[in-house]
């Protein structure tokens, strides 16, 4: 799928989510769907909010953003390499290094300017 097609689809998705959110704020709709009292409805609303955030993040992206991945066995120097390249040694942002595996998730390291895009 081309980037233009993806952009158009994400724009259409954002418009649709906005319309849906407007409808969901209607008191009658809230009562019928039990949006504040039914746990399943509450979870569905939370899912919709997550989809909205992800769509907005995609739409705000810049084409100059790229990702670099470090892969390897435990204790093979990945965190030490990141600390060295980014000059993080001795700072509060230093990645912990040890002989025991500590990372169980992906770590995103980005500029202060770019981090706002991921948090909104």
PDB file of N, CA and C in Angstrom:
ATOM      1  N   UNK A   1       0.847  -1.162   0.000  1.00  0.00           N
ATOM      2  CA  UNK A   1       0.000   0.000   0.000  1.00  0.00           C
ATOM      3  C   UNK A   1       0.899   1.233   0.000  1.00  0.00           C
ATOM      4  N   UNK A   2       0.599   2.190  -0.854  1.00  0.00           N
ATOM      5  CA  UNK A   2       1.420   3.393  -0.947  1.00  0.00           C
ATOM      6  C   UNK A   2       1.226   4.285   0.276  1.00  0.00           C
ATOM      7  N   UNK A   3       2.224   5.136   0.527  1.00  0.00           N
ATOM      8  CA  UNK A   3       2.147   6.061   1.658  1.00  0.00           C
ATOM      9  C   UNK A   3       0.968   7.010   1.498  1.00  0.00           C
ATOM     10  N   UNK A   4       0.718   7.477   0.270  1.00  0.00           N
ATOM     11  CA  UNK A   4      -0.417   8.370   0.032  1.00  0.00           C
ATOM     12  C   UNK A   4      -1.727   7.686   0.400  1.00  0.00           C
ATOM     13  N   UNK A   5      -1.866   6.427   0.013  1.00  0.00           N
ATOM     14  CA  UNK A   5      -3.081   5.664   0.325  1.00  0.00           C
ATOM     15  C   UNK A   5      -3.211   5.468   1.835  1.00  0.00           C
ATOM     16  N   UNK A   6      -2.092   5.183   2.504  1.00  0.00           N
ATOM     17  CA  UNK A   6      -2.105   5.024   3.960  1.00  0.00           C
ATOM     18  C   UNK A   6      -2.495   6.333   4.634  1.00  0.00           C
ATOM     19  N   UNK A   7      -1.966   7.444   4.131  1.00  0.00           N
ATOM     20  CA  UNK A   7      -2.291   8.746   4.707  1.00  0.00           C
ATOM     21  C   UNK A   7      -3.772   9.050   4.536  1.00  0.00           C
ATOM     22  N   UNK A   8      -4.316   8.772   3.370  1.00  0.00           N
ATOM     23  CA  UNK A   8      -5.736   9.011   3.115  1.00  0.00           C
ATOM     24  C   UNK A   8      -6.596   8.149   4.030  1.00  0.00           C
ATOM     25  N   UNK A   9      -6.218   6.881   4.187  1.00  0.00           N
ATOM     26  CA  UNK A   9      -6.972   5.989   5.060  1.00  0.00           C
ATOM     27  C   UNK A   9      -6.892   6.439   6.511  1.00  0.00           C
ATOM     28  N   UNK A  10      -5.719   6.901   6.959  1.00  0.00           N
ATOM     29  CA  UNK A  10      -5.601   7.359   8.341  1.00  0.00           C
ATOM     30  C   UNK A  10      -6.391   8.644   8.548  1.00  0.00           C
ATOM     31  N   UNK A  11      -6.430   9.514   7.535  1.00  0.00           N
ATOM     32  CA  UNK A  11      -7.250  10.722   7.625  1.00  0.00           C
ATOM     33  C   UNK A  11      -8.725  10.359   7.747  1.00  0.00           C
ATOM     34  N   UNK A  12      -9.175   9.419   6.918  1.00  0.00           N
ATOM     35  CA  UNK A  12     -10.569   8.975   6.970  1.00  0.00           C
ATOM     36  C   UNK A  12     -10.893   8.319   8.312  1.00  0.00           C
ATOM     37  N   UNK A  13      -9.962   7.551   8.832  1.00  0.00           N
ATOM     38  CA  UNK A  13     -10.160   6.907  10.136  1.00  0.00           C
ATOM     39  C   UNK A  13     -10.300   7.967  11.232  1.00  0.00           C
ATOM     40  N   UNK A  14      -9.449   8.981  11.193  1.00  0.00           N
ATOM     41  CA  UNK A  14      -9.505  10.050  12.196  1.00  0.00           C
ATOM     42  C   UNK A  14     -10.841  10.793  12.120  1.00  0.00           C
ATOM     43  N   UNK A  15     -11.323  11.045  10.913  1.00  0.00           N
ATOM     44  CA  UNK A  15     -12.620  11.716  10.738  1.00  0.00           C
ATOM     45  C   UNK A  15     -13.732  10.843  11.304  1.00  0.00           C
ATOM     46  N   UNK A  16     -13.685   9.545  11.013  1.00  0.00           N
ATOM     47  CA  UNK A  16     -14.697   8.627  11.519  1.00  0.00           C
ATOM     48  C   UNK A  16     -14.692   8.527  13.038  1.00  0.00           C
ATOM     49  N   UNK A  17     -13.515   8.488  13.631  1.00  0.00           N
ATOM     50  CA  UNK A  17     -13.411   8.425  15.095  1.00  0.00           C
ATOM     51  C   UNK A  17     -13.976   9.696  15.716  1.00  0.00           C
ATOM     52  N   UNK A  18     -13.681  10.841  15.107  1.00  0.00           N
ATOM     53  CA  UNK A  18     -14.200  12.104  15.622  1.00  0.00           C
ATOM     54  C   UNK A  18     -15.732  12.117  15.581  1.00  0.00           C
ATOM     55  N   UNK A  19     -16.315  11.632  14.473  1.00  0.00           N
ATOM     56  CA  UNK A  19     -17.775  11.572  14.362  1.00  0.00           C
ATOM     57  C   UNK A  19     -18.350  10.618  15.408  1.00  0.00           C
ATOM     58  N   UNK A  20     -17.707   9.468  15.578  1.00  0.00           N
ATOM     59  CA  UNK A  20     -18.172   8.496  16.561  1.00  0.00           C
ATOM     60  C   UNK A  20     -18.114   9.076  17.971  1.00  0.00           C
ATOM     61  N   UNK A  21     -17.028   9.754  18.292  1.00  0.00           N
ATOM     62  CA  UNK A  21     -16.909  10.382  19.620  1.00  0.00           C
ATOM     63  C   UNK A  21     -18.011  11.404  19.859  1.00  0.00           C
ATOM     64  N   UNK A  22     -18.349  12.150  18.819  1.00  0.00           N
ATOM     65  CA  UNK A  22     -19.438  13.127  18.934  1.00  0.00           C
ATOM     66  C   UNK A  22     -20.749  12.418  19.253  1.00  0.00           C
ATOM     67  N   UNK A  23     -21.031  11.322  18.562  1.00  0.00           N
ATOM     68  CA  UNK A  23     -22.255  10.556  18.806  1.00  0.00           C
ATOM     69  C   UNK A  23     -22.265   9.955  20.208  1.00  0.00           C
ATOM     70  N   UNK A  24     -21.116   9.485  20.662  1.00  0.00           N
ATOM     71  CA  UNK A  24     -21.039   8.839  21.971  1.00  0.00           C
ATOM     72  C   UNK A  24     -21.252   9.814  23.125  1.00  0.00           C
ATOM     73  N   UNK A  25     -21.112  11.108  22.863  1.00  0.00           N
ATOM     74  CA  UNK A  25     -21.334  12.113  23.905  1.00  0.00           C
ATOM     75  C   UNK A  25     -22.815  12.442  24.083  1.00  0.00           C
ATOM     76  N   UNK A  26     -23.657  11.945  23.175  1.00  0.00           N
ATOM     77  CA  UNK A  26     -25.088  12.151  23.276  1.00  0.00           C
ATOM     78  C   UNK A  26     -25.618  11.377  24.477  1.00  0.00           C
ATOM     79  N   UNK A  27     -26.398  12.037  25.325  1.00  0.00           N
ATOM     80  CA  UNK A  27     -26.875  11.421  26.565  1.00  0.00           C
ATOM     81  C   UNK A  27     -27.676  10.144  26.316  1.00  0.00           C
ATOM     82  N   UNK A  28     -28.524  10.154  25.298  1.00  0.00           N
ATOM     83  CA  UNK A  28     -29.322   8.964  24.980  1.00  0.00           C
ATOM     84  C   UNK A  28     -28.422   7.800  24.585  1.00  0.00           C
ATOM     85  N   UNK A  29     -27.446   8.072  23.753  1.00  0.00           N
ATOM     86  CA  UNK A  29     -26.498   7.034  23.326  1.00  0.00           C
ATOM     87  C   UNK A  29     -25.720   6.511  24.524  1.00  0.00           C
ATOM     88  N   UNK A  30     -25.263   7.416  25.395  1.00  0.00           N
ATOM     89  CA  UNK A  30     -24.532   7.014  26.607  1.00  0.00           C
ATOM     90  C   UNK A  30     -25.361   6.047  27.447  1.00  0.00           C
ATOM     91  N   UNK A  31     -26.645   6.378  27.606  1.00  0.00           N
ATOM     92  CA  UNK A  31     -27.527   5.533  28.426  1.00  0.00           C
ATOM     93  C   UNK A  31     -27.804   4.191  27.761  1.00  0.00           C
ATOM     94  N   UNK A  32     -28.092   4.195  26.469  1.00  0.00           N
ATOM     95  CA  UNK A  32     -28.398   2.953  25.762  1.00  0.00           C
ATOM     96  C   UNK A  32     -27.204   2.009  25.791  1.00  0.00           C
ATOM     97  N   UNK A  33     -26.019   2.545  25.532  1.00  0.00           N
ATOM     98  CA  UNK A  33     -24.809   1.710  25.478  1.00  0.00           C
ATOM     99  C   UNK A  33     -24.153   1.521  26.841  1.00  0.00           C
ATOM    100  N   UNK A  34     -24.710   2.149  27.869  1.00  0.00           N
ATOM    101  CA  UNK A  34     -24.170   2.059  29.229  1.00  0.00           C
ATOM    102  C   UNK A  34     -22.667   2.368  29.245  1.00  0.00           C
ATOM    103  N   UNK A  35     -22.317   3.490  28.636  1.00  0.00           N
ATOM    104  CA  UNK A  35     -20.906   3.826  28.440  1.00  0.00           C
ATOM    105  C   UNK A  35     -20.135   4.086  29.721  1.00  0.00           C
ATOM    106  N   UNK A  36     -20.825   4.389  30.793  1.00  0.00           N
ATOM    107  CA  UNK A  36     -20.112   4.665  32.048  1.00  0.00           C
ATOM    108  C   UNK A  36     -20.334   3.585  33.098  1.00  0.00           C
ATOM    109  N   UNK A  37     -21.272   2.676  32.851  1.00  0.00           N
ATOM    110  CA  UNK A  37     -21.600   1.682  33.883  1.00  0.00           C
ATOM    111  C   UNK A  37     -21.258   0.252  33.502  1.00  0.00           C
ATOM    112  N   UNK A  38     -21.236  -0.056  32.227  1.00  0.00           N
ATOM    113  CA  UNK A  38     -20.952  -1.414  31.779  1.00  0.00           C
ATOM    114  C   UNK A  38     -19.449  -1.575  31.551  1.00  0.00           C
ATOM    115  N   UNK A  39     -18.805  -2.502  32.262  1.00  0.00           N
ATOM    116  CA  UNK A  39     -17.344  -2.663  32.127  1.00  0.00           C
ATOM    117  C   UNK A  39     -16.898  -2.955  30.688  1.00  0.00           C
ATOM    118  N   UNK A  40     -17.689  -3.684  29.939  1.00  0.00           N
ATOM    119  CA  UNK A  40     -17.318  -3.985  28.550  1.00  0.00           C
ATOM    120  C   UNK A  40     -17.368  -2.704  27.714  1.00  0.00           C
ATOM    121  N   UNK A  41     -18.408  -1.891  27.926  1.00  0.00           N
ATOM    122  CA  UNK A  41     -18.513  -0.619  27.204  1.00  0.00           C
ATOM    123  C   UNK A  41     -17.368   0.312  27.574  1.00  0.00           C
ATOM    124  N   UNK A  42     -17.021   0.355  28.849  1.00  0.00           N
ATOM    125  CA  UNK A  42     -15.910   1.196  29.306  1.00  0.00           C
ATOM    126  C   UNK A  42     -14.614   0.760  28.630  1.00  0.00           C
ATOM    127  N   UNK A  43     -14.378  -0.548  28.555  1.00  0.00           N
ATOM    128  CA  UNK A  43     -13.169  -1.060  27.903  1.00  0.00           C
ATOM    129  C   UNK A  43     -13.177  -0.736  26.411  1.00  0.00           C
ATOM    130  N   UNK A  44     -14.345  -0.842  25.778  1.00  0.00           N
ATOM    131  CA  UNK A  44     -14.440  -0.494  24.356  1.00  0.00           C
ATOM    132  C   UNK A  44     -14.126   0.979  24.119  1.00  0.00           C
ATOM    133  N   UNK A  45     -14.585   1.843  24.997  1.00  0.00           N
ATOM    134  CA  UNK A  45     -14.277   3.277  24.892  1.00  0.00           C
ATOM    135  C   UNK A  45     -12.772   3.493  25.064  1.00  0.00           C
ATOM    136  N   UNK A  46     -12.154   2.784  25.997  1.00  0.00           N
ATOM    137  CA  UNK A  46     -10.699   2.890  26.190  1.00  0.00           C
ATOM    138  C   UNK A  46      -9.949   2.420  24.945  1.00  0.00           C
ATOM    139  N   UNK A  47     -10.420   1.355  24.325  1.00  0.00           N
ATOM    140  CA  UNK A  47      -9.802   0.867  23.079  1.00  0.00           C
ATOM    141  C   UNK A  47      -9.917   1.924  21.984  1.00  0.00           C
ATOM    142  N   UNK A  48     -11.085   2.539  21.884  1.00  0.00           N
ATOM    143  CA  UNK A  48     -11.291   3.585  20.887  1.00  0.00           C
ATOM    144  C   UNK A  48     -10.325   4.749  21.120  1.00  0.00           C
ATOM    145  N   UNK A  49     -10.110   5.115  22.373  1.00  0.00           N
ATOM    146  CA  UNK A  49      -9.169   6.195  22.689  1.00  0.00           C
ATOM    147  C   UNK A  49      -7.747   5.821  22.281  1.00  0.00           C
ATOM    148  N   UNK A  50      -7.368   4.550  22.509  1.00  0.00           N
ATOM    149  CA  UNK A  50      -6.025   4.096  22.111  1.00  0.00           C
ATOM    150  C   UNK A  50      -5.869   4.132  20.587  1.00  0.00           C
ATOM    151  N   UNK A  51      -6.913   3.713  19.874  1.00  0.00           N
ATOM    152  CA  UNK A  51      -6.866   3.750  18.406  1.00  0.00           C
ATOM    153  C   UNK A  51      -6.765   5.195  17.928  1.00  0.00           C
ATOM    154  N   UNK A  52      -7.500   6.082  18.578  1.00  0.00           N
ATOM    155  CA  UNK A  52      -7.460   7.496  18.209  1.00  0.00           C
ATOM    156  C   UNK A  52      -6.052   8.059  18.426  1.00  0.00           C
ATOM    157  N   UNK A  53      -5.437   7.750  19.579  1.00  0.00           N
ATOM    158  CA  UNK A  53      -4.074   8.234  19.852  1.00  0.00           C
ATOM    159  C   UNK A  53      -3.081   7.692  18.824  1.00  0.00           C
ATOM    160  N   UNK A  54      -3.183   6.402  18.515  1.00  0.00           N
ATOM    161  CA  UNK A  54      -2.255   5.796  17.547  1.00  0.00           C
ATOM    162  C   UNK A  54      -2.435   6.411  16.161  1.00  0.00           C
ATOM    163  N   UNK A  55      -3.672   6.646  15.777  1.00  0.00           N
ATOM    164  CA  UNK A  55      -3.946   7.260  14.476  1.00  0.00           C
ATOM    165  C   UNK A  55      -3.376   8.668  14.429  1.00  0.00           C
ATOM    166  N   UNK A  56      -3.577   9.428  15.500  1.00  0.00           N
ATOM    167  CA  UNK A  56      -3.044  10.786  15.546  1.00  0.00           C
ATOM    168  C   UNK A  56      -1.523  10.792  15.525  1.00  0.00           C
ATOM    169  N   UNK A  57      -0.896   9.837  16.211  1.00  0.00           N
ATOM    170  CA  UNK A  57       0.565   9.738  16.184  1.00  0.00           C
ATOM    171  C   UNK A  57       1.055   9.449  14.769  1.00  0.00           C
ATOM    172  N   UNK A  58       0.370   8.547  14.082  1.00  0.00           N
ATOM    173  CA  UNK A  58       0.760   8.215  12.715  1.00  0.00           C
ATOM    174  C   UNK A  58       0.641   9.448  11.822  1.00  0.00           C
ATOM    175  N   UNK A  59      -0.435  10.192  11.986  1.00  0.00           N
ATOM    176  CA  UNK A  59      -0.674  11.353  11.138  1.00  0.00           C
ATOM    177  C   UNK A  59       0.313  12.482  11.420  1.00  0.00           C
ATOM    178  N   UNK A  60       0.860  12.555  12.652  1.00  0.00           N
ATOM    179  CA  UNK A  60       1.810  13.609  13.018  1.00  0.00           C
ATOM    180  C   UNK A  60       3.257  13.240  12.681  1.00  0.00           C
ATOM    181  N   UNK A  61       3.476  12.019  12.259  1.00  0.00           N
ATOM    182  CA  UNK A  61       4.843  11.547  12.057  1.00  0.00           C
ATOM    183  C   UNK A  61       5.574  12.393  11.020  1.00  0.00           C
ATOM    184  N   UNK A  62       6.863  12.343  11.100  1.00  0.00           N
ATOM    185  CA  UNK A  62       7.685  13.008  10.101  1.00  0.00           C
ATOM    186  C   UNK A  62       8.408  11.932   9.308  1.00  0.00           C
ATOM    187  N   UNK A  63       8.722  12.232   8.085  1.00  0.00           N
ATOM    188  CA  UNK A  63       9.376  11.240   7.236  1.00  0.00           C
ATOM    189  C   UNK A  63      10.863  11.105   7.524  1.00  0.00           C
ATOM    190  N   UNK A  64      11.406  11.959   8.390  1.00  0.00           N
ATOM    191  CA  UNK A  64      12.831  11.853   8.707  1.00  0.00           C
ATOM    192  C   UNK A  64      13.087  11.030   9.970  1.00  0.00           C
ATOM    193  N   UNK A  65      12.049  10.426  10.516  1.00  0.00           N
ATOM    194  CA  UNK A  65      12.200   9.585  11.697  1.00  0.00           C
ATOM    195  C   UNK A  65      12.642   8.188  11.255  1.00  0.00           C
ATOM    196  N   UNK A  66      13.687   7.671  11.870  1.00  0.00           N
ATOM    197  CA  UNK A  66      14.122   6.323  11.549  1.00  0.00           C
ATOM    198  C   UNK A  66      14.441   5.577  12.838  1.00  0.00           C
ATOM    199  N   UNK A  67      14.473   4.275  12.745  1.00  0.00           N
ATOM    200  CA  UNK A  67      14.694   3.430  13.908  1.00  0.00           C
ATOM    201  C   UNK A  67      15.973   2.634  13.726  1.00  0.00           C
ATOM    202  N   UNK A  68      16.701   2.470  14.828  1.00  0.00           N
ATOM    203  CA  UNK A  68      17.890   1.633  14.857  1.00  0.00           C
ATOM    204  C   UNK A  68      17.658   0.589  15.938  1.00  0.00           C
ATOM    205  N   UNK A  69      17.853  -0.650  15.597  1.00  0.00           N
ATOM    206  CA  UNK A  69      17.640  -1.716  16.571  1.00  0.00           C
ATOM    207  C   UNK A  69      18.950  -2.364  16.972  1.00  0.00           C
ATOM    208  N   UNK A  70      19.045  -2.749  18.230  1.00  0.00           N
ATOM    209  CA  UNK A  70      20.193  -3.490  18.737  1.00  0.00           C
ATOM    210  C   UNK A  70      19.688  -4.853  19.174  1.00  0.00           C
ATOM    211  N   UNK A  71      20.168  -5.879  18.549  1.00  0.00           N
ATOM    212  CA  UNK A  71      19.754  -7.243  18.868  1.00  0.00           C
ATOM    213  C   UNK A  71      20.965  -8.047  19.296  1.00  0.00           C
ATOM    214  N   UNK A  72      20.747  -8.968  20.199  1.00  0.00           N
ATOM    215  CA  UNK A  72      21.838  -9.836  20.614  1.00  0.00           C
ATOM    216  C   UNK A  72      21.465 -10.621  21.848  1.00  0.00           C
ATOM    217  N   UNK A  73      22.344 -11.536  22.211  1.00  0.00           N
ATOM    218  CA  UNK A  73      22.134 -12.361  23.397  1.00  0.00           C
ATOM    219  C   UNK A  73      22.226 -11.497  24.653  1.00  0.00           C
ATOM    220  N   UNK A  74      21.758 -12.045  25.757  1.00  0.00           N
ATOM    221  CA  UNK A  74      21.874 -11.347  27.034  1.00  0.00           C
ATOM    222  C   UNK A  74      23.334 -11.052  27.321  1.00  0.00           C
ATOM    223  N   UNK A  75      23.587  -9.883  27.901  1.00  0.00           N
ATOM    224  CA  UNK A  75      24.928  -9.461  28.323  1.00  0.00           C
ATOM    225  C   UNK A  75      25.942  -9.477  27.181  1.00  0.00           C
ATOM    226  N   UNK A  76      25.492  -9.068  25.980  1.00  0.00           N
ATOM    227  CA  UNK A  76      26.416  -9.038  24.847  1.00  0.00           C
ATOM    228  C   UNK A  76      26.886  -7.626  24.503  1.00  0.00           C
ATOM    229  N   UNK A  77      26.472  -6.618  25.312  1.00  0.00           N
ATOM    230  CA  UNK A  77      26.975  -5.264  25.126  1.00  0.00           C
ATOM    231  C   UNK A  77      26.022  -4.291  24.456  1.00  0.00           C
ATOM    232  N   UNK A  78      24.769  -4.649  24.303  1.00  0.00           N
ATOM    233  CA  UNK A  78      23.810  -3.754  23.638  1.00  0.00           C
ATOM    234  C   UNK A  78      23.629  -2.453  24.427  1.00  0.00           C
ATOM    235  N   UNK A  79      23.314  -2.555  25.711  1.00  0.00           N
ATOM    236  CA  UNK A  79      23.102  -1.363  26.534  1.00  0.00           C
ATOM    237  C   UNK A  79      24.380  -0.553  26.670  1.00  0.00           C
ATOM    238  N   UNK A  80      25.504  -1.204  26.808  1.00  0.00           N
ATOM    239  CA  UNK A  80      26.787  -0.492  26.900  1.00  0.00           C
ATOM    240  C   UNK A  80      27.054   0.288  25.612  1.00  0.00           C
ATOM    241  N   UNK A  81      26.716  -0.303  24.472  1.00  0.00           N
ATOM    242  CA  UNK A  81      26.908   0.365  23.184  1.00  0.00           C
ATOM    243  C   UNK A  81      26.015   1.606  23.091  1.00  0.00           C
ATOM    244  N   UNK A  82      24.758   1.457  23.494  1.00  0.00           N
ATOM    245  CA  UNK A  82      23.833   2.595  23.479  1.00  0.00           C
ATOM    246  C   UNK A  82      24.343   3.703  24.398  1.00  0.00           C
ATOM    247  N   UNK A  83      24.770   3.331  25.603  1.00  0.00           N
ATOM    248  CA  UNK A  83      25.308   4.316  26.545  1.00  0.00           C
ATOM    249  C   UNK A  83      26.504   5.057  25.946  1.00  0.00           C
ATOM    250  N   UNK A  84      27.351   4.328  25.256  1.00  0.00           N
ATOM    251  CA  UNK A  84      28.556   4.920  24.674  1.00  0.00           C
ATOM    252  C   UNK A  84      28.210   5.853  23.510  1.00  0.00           C
ATOM    253  N   UNK A  85      27.378   5.389  22.589  1.00  0.00           N
ATOM    254  CA  UNK A  85      27.022   6.188  21.414  1.00  0.00           C
ATOM    255  C   UNK A  85      26.323   7.482  21.815  1.00  0.00           C
ATOM    256  N   UNK A  86      25.393   7.386  22.764  1.00  0.00           N
ATOM    257  CA  UNK A  86      24.603   8.547  23.174  1.00  0.00           C
ATOM    258  C   UNK A  86      25.211   9.317  24.347  1.00  0.00           C
ATOM    259  N   UNK A  87      26.415   8.883  24.773  1.00  0.00           N
ATOM    260  CA  UNK A  87      27.111   9.534  25.889  1.00  0.00           C
ATOM    261  C   UNK A  87      26.218   9.618  27.135  1.00  0.00           C
ATOM    262  N   UNK A  88      25.630   8.490  27.491  1.00  0.00           N
ATOM    263  CA  UNK A  88      24.722   8.430  28.630  1.00  0.00           C
ATOM    264  C   UNK A  88      25.396   7.970  29.919  1.00  0.00           C
ATOM    265  N   UNK A  89      26.662   7.526  29.834  1.00  0.00           N
ATOM    266  CA  UNK A  89      27.347   7.029  31.022  1.00  0.00           C
ATOM    267  C   UNK A  89      27.340   8.070  32.133  1.00  0.00           C
ATOM    268  N   UNK A  90      26.885   7.668  33.326  1.00  0.00           N
ATOM    269  CA  UNK A  90      26.875   8.538  34.483  1.00  0.00           C
ATOM    270  C   UNK A  90      25.704   9.506  34.536  1.00  0.00           C
ATOM    271  N   UNK A  91      24.783   9.420  33.571  1.00  0.00           N
ATOM    272  CA  UNK A  91      23.618  10.307  33.585  1.00  0.00           C
ATOM    273  C   UNK A  91      22.407   9.541  34.118  1.00  0.00           C
ATOM    274  N   UNK A  92      21.332  10.281  34.359  1.00  0.00           N
ATOM    275  CA  UNK A  92      20.103   9.626  34.833  1.00  0.00           C
ATOM    276  C   UNK A  92      19.447   8.797  33.736  1.00  0.00           C
ATOM    277  N   UNK A  93      19.832   9.026  32.481  1.00  0.00           N
ATOM    278  CA  UNK A  93      19.261   8.272  31.358  1.00  0.00           C
ATOM    279  C   UNK A  93      20.090   7.043  30.989  1.00  0.00           C
ATOM    280  N   UNK A  94      21.142   6.784  31.727  1.00  0.00           N
ATOM    281  CA  UNK A  94      22.013   5.645  31.417  1.00  0.00           C
ATOM    282  C   UNK A  94      21.228   4.340  31.480  1.00  0.00           C
ATOM    283  N   UNK A  95      21.409   3.499  30.448  1.00  0.00           N
ATOM    284  CA  UNK A  95      20.783   2.180  30.456  1.00  0.00           C
ATOM    285  C   UNK A  95      21.568   1.297  31.414  1.00  0.00           C
ATOM    286  N   UNK A  96      20.850   0.576  32.269  1.00  0.00           N
ATOM    287  CA  UNK A  96      21.506  -0.289  33.242  1.00  0.00           C
ATOM    288  C   UNK A  96      22.203  -1.446  32.529  1.00  0.00           C
ATOM    289  N   UNK A  97      23.389  -1.783  33.020  1.00  0.00           N
ATOM    290  CA  UNK A  97      24.131  -2.917  32.477  1.00  0.00           C
ATOM    291  C   UNK A  97      24.442  -3.872  33.615  1.00  0.00           C
ATOM    292  N   UNK A  98      24.390  -5.143  33.305  1.00  0.00           N
ATOM    293  CA  UNK A  98      24.595  -6.156  34.331  1.00  0.00           C
ATOM    294  C   UNK A  98      24.751  -7.493  33.622  1.00  0.00           C
ATOM    295  N   UNK A  99      25.139  -8.495  34.367  1.00  0.00           N
ATOM    296  CA  UNK A  99      25.243  -9.833  33.795  1.00  0.00           C
ATOM    297  C   UNK A  99      23.892 -10.534  33.778  1.00  0.00           C
ATOM    298  N   UNK A 100      22.927  -9.978  34.489  1.00  0.00           N
ATOM    299  CA  UNK A 100      21.583 -10.556  34.490  1.00  0.00           C
ATOM    300  C   UNK A 100      20.705  -9.795  33.500  1.00  0.00           C
ATOM    301  N   UNK A 101      19.874 -10.504  32.727  1.00  0.00           N
ATOM    302  CA  UNK A 101      19.002  -9.798  31.784  1.00  0.00           C
ATOM    303  C   UNK A 101      18.001  -8.924  32.533  1.00  0.00           C
ATOM    304  N   UNK A 102      17.873  -7.674  32.101  1.00  0.00           N
ATOM    305  CA  UNK A 102      16.962  -6.762  32.785  1.00  0.00           C
ATOM    306  C   UNK A 102      15.877  -6.206  31.872  1.00  0.00           C
ATOM    307  N   UNK A 103      16.136  -6.103  30.578  1.00  0.00           N
ATOM    308  CA  UNK A 103      15.146  -5.536  29.664  1.00  0.00           C
ATOM    309  C   UNK A 103      14.136  -6.599  29.250  1.00  0.00           C
ATOM    310  N   UNK A 104      12.864  -6.247  29.397  1.00  0.00           N
ATOM    311  CA  UNK A 104      11.818  -7.158  28.934  1.00  0.00           C
ATOM    312  C   UNK A 104      10.850  -6.424  28.016  1.00  0.00           C
ATOM    313  N   UNK A 105      11.291  -5.257  27.519  1.00  0.00           N
ATOM    314  CA  UNK A 105      10.453  -4.482  26.615  1.00  0.00           C
ATOM    315  C   UNK A 105      11.334  -3.653  25.699  1.00  0.00           C
ATOM    316  N   UNK A 106      10.714  -3.065  24.702  1.00  0.00           N
ATOM    317  CA  UNK A 106      11.430  -2.198  23.771  1.00  0.00           C
ATOM    318  C   UNK A 106      11.617  -0.837  24.428  1.00  0.00           C
ATOM    319  N   UNK A 107      12.803  -0.277  24.285  1.00  0.00           N
ATOM    320  CA  UNK A 107      13.096   1.052  24.810  1.00  0.00           C
ATOM    321  C   UNK A 107      13.195   2.014  23.638  1.00  0.00           C
ATOM    322  N   UNK A 108      12.452   3.105  23.707  1.00  0.00           N
ATOM    323  CA  UNK A 108      12.507   4.130  22.680  1.00  0.00           C
ATOM    324  C   UNK A 108      13.345   5.277  23.197  1.00  0.00           C
ATOM    325  N   UNK A 109      14.390   5.610  22.474  1.00  0.00           N
ATOM    326  CA  UNK A 109      15.237   6.741  22.821  1.00  0.00           C
ATOM    327  C   UNK A 109      15.090   7.744  21.691  1.00  0.00           C
ATOM    328  N   UNK A 110      14.671   8.951  22.031  1.00  0.00           N
ATOM    329  CA  UNK A 110      14.412   9.962  21.014  1.00  0.00           C
ATOM    330  C   UNK A 110      14.683  11.346  21.583  1.00  0.00           C
ATOM    331  N   UNK A 111      14.604  12.342  20.746  1.00  0.00           N
ATOM    332  CA  UNK A 111      14.825  13.718  21.197  1.00  0.00           C
ATOM    333  C   UNK A 111      13.607  14.225  21.955  1.00  0.00           C
ATOM    334  N   UNK A 112      13.796  15.301  22.729  1.00  0.00           N
ATOM    335  CA  UNK A 112      12.688  15.898  23.470  1.00  0.00           C
ATOM    336  C   UNK A 112      11.608  16.385  22.514  1.00  0.00           C
ATOM    337  N   UNK A 113      12.006  16.871  21.349  1.00  0.00           N
ATOM    338  CA  UNK A 113      11.053  17.363  20.353  1.00  0.00           C
ATOM    339  C   UNK A 113      10.182  16.215  19.829  1.00  0.00           C
ATOM    340  N   UNK A 114      10.803  15.088  19.557  1.00  0.00           N
ATOM    341  CA  UNK A 114      10.082  13.963  18.980  1.00  0.00           C
ATOM    342  C   UNK A 114       9.240  13.210  20.024  1.00  0.00           C
ATOM    343  N   UNK A 115       9.657  13.214  21.269  1.00  0.00           N
ATOM    344  CA  UNK A 115       8.952  12.443  22.294  1.00  0.00           C
ATOM    345  C   UNK A 115       7.516  12.930  22.453  1.00  0.00           C
ATOM    346  N   UNK A 116       7.257  14.223  22.249  1.00  0.00           N
ATOM    347  CA  UNK A 116       5.901  14.753  22.343  1.00  0.00           C
ATOM    348  C   UNK A 116       4.971  14.077  21.359  1.00  0.00           C
ATOM    349  N   UNK A 117       5.483  13.707  20.196  1.00  0.00           N
ATOM    350  CA  UNK A 117       4.675  13.040  19.177  1.00  0.00           C
ATOM    351  C   UNK A 117       4.167  11.682  19.689  1.00  0.00           C
ATOM    352  N   UNK A 118       4.979  11.000  20.501  1.00  0.00           N
ATOM    353  CA  UNK A 118       4.612   9.674  20.976  1.00  0.00           C
ATOM    354  C   UNK A 118       3.723   9.726  22.210  1.00  0.00           C
ATOM    355  N   UNK A 119       3.710  10.813  22.932  1.00  0.00           N
ATOM    356  CA  UNK A 119       2.948  10.914  24.158  1.00  0.00           C
ATOM    357  C   UNK A 119       1.545  11.469  23.944  1.00  0.00           C
ATOM    358  N   UNK A 120       1.293  12.135  22.849  1.00  0.00           N
ATOM    359  CA  UNK A 120      -0.032  12.725  22.599  1.00  0.00           C
ATOM    360  C   UNK A 120      -0.985  11.714  22.029  1.00  0.00           C
TER     361      UNK A 120
END
